[in-house]
Protein backbone atom coordinates (compact mmCIF):
# COMPACT_ATOMS: atom_id res chain seq x y z
CA MET A 1 -10.71 0.91 7.02
CA LEU A 2 -13.77 1.86 4.74
CA ASN A 3 -14.71 4.34 7.49
CA ASP A 4 -11.34 5.85 8.01
CA THR A 5 -10.70 7.54 4.56
CA SER A 6 -11.18 11.05 5.47
CA LEU A 7 -8.20 10.16 8.17
CA VAL A 8 -5.78 8.68 5.43
CA ARG A 9 -6.34 11.27 3.45
CA MET A 10 -4.97 13.71 6.00
CA VAL A 11 -2.02 11.42 6.73
CA ILE A 12 -1.44 10.94 2.99
CA ASP A 13 -1.42 15.06 2.65
CA MET A 14 0.76 15.29 5.28
CA LEU A 15 3.04 13.09 4.13
CA VAL A 16 3.71 14.67 0.79
CA LYS A 17 4.18 17.75 2.55
CA ARG A 18 6.73 16.59 5.27
CA TYR A 19 8.91 14.38 2.85
CA SER A 20 8.19 16.32 -0.41
CA TRP A 21 7.11 12.77 -1.90
CA THR A 22 4.76 12.46 -4.71
CA TYR A 23 1.36 11.62 -3.84
CA ASP A 24 1.84 8.11 -5.31
CA ASP A 25 5.09 7.70 -3.18
CA ALA A 26 3.39 8.96 -0.04
CA LEU A 27 0.17 6.18 -0.56
CA ARG A 28 2.99 3.39 -1.48
CA ASN A 29 4.82 3.94 1.25
CA PHE A 30 1.88 4.37 3.87
CA TYR A 31 -0.53 1.37 2.12
CA ASN A 32 2.55 -0.75 2.16
CA SER A 33 3.07 -0.26 6.16
CA ASN A 34 2.62 -1.94 9.19
CA VAL A 35 0.91 1.11 10.62
CA CYS A 36 -1.43 1.00 7.76
CA LYS A 37 -2.47 -2.83 8.89
CA GLY A 38 -2.55 -1.62 12.03
CA LEU A 39 -5.20 1.26 11.20
CA SER A 40 -7.10 -1.36 9.04
CA ASP A 41 -7.23 -3.80 12.28
CA LYS A 42 -10.25 -2.39 14.43
CA GLN A 43 -9.10 -4.09 17.46
CA THR A 44 -5.78 -2.11 17.62
CA GLY A 45 -7.95 1.15 18.33
CA MET A 46 -5.46 3.10 15.78
CA PHE A 47 -8.61 4.23 13.86
CA THR A 48 -8.88 7.05 16.98
CA PHE A 49 -5.39 8.04 16.45
CA ALA A 50 -4.89 11.75 15.34
CA PRO A 51 -2.96 11.88 11.94
CA LYS A 52 0.26 12.92 13.62
CA GLU A 53 0.30 10.01 15.81
CA ILE A 54 -0.06 7.97 12.74
CA ILE A 55 2.92 9.83 11.19
CA TYR A 56 4.87 9.43 14.34
CA LEU A 57 4.36 5.77 13.97
CA LEU A 58 4.83 5.30 10.10
CA ASP A 59 8.27 7.23 11.00
CA LYS A 60 9.55 5.14 13.59
CA GLU A 61 8.46 2.01 11.14
CA MET A 62 10.56 3.47 8.01
CA GLY A 63 13.28 4.80 10.28
CA LEU A 64 12.56 8.40 9.60
CA SER A 65 12.17 9.85 12.86
CA SER A 66 14.78 12.25 14.09
């Protein structure tokens, strides 16, 4: 995920705004998720996803989607 730092920053920033989480909470929730693991795996192709797509997947994983 070293080359995806700007994508991760955008996702974290969006999570902070969307859920009023602290930056630390957003980092912890994201980095402990299966979505983050998938993003780190180049075979999934998730590194090409838009930040909103990643947040959608994280929402589903965490049961936050409406």
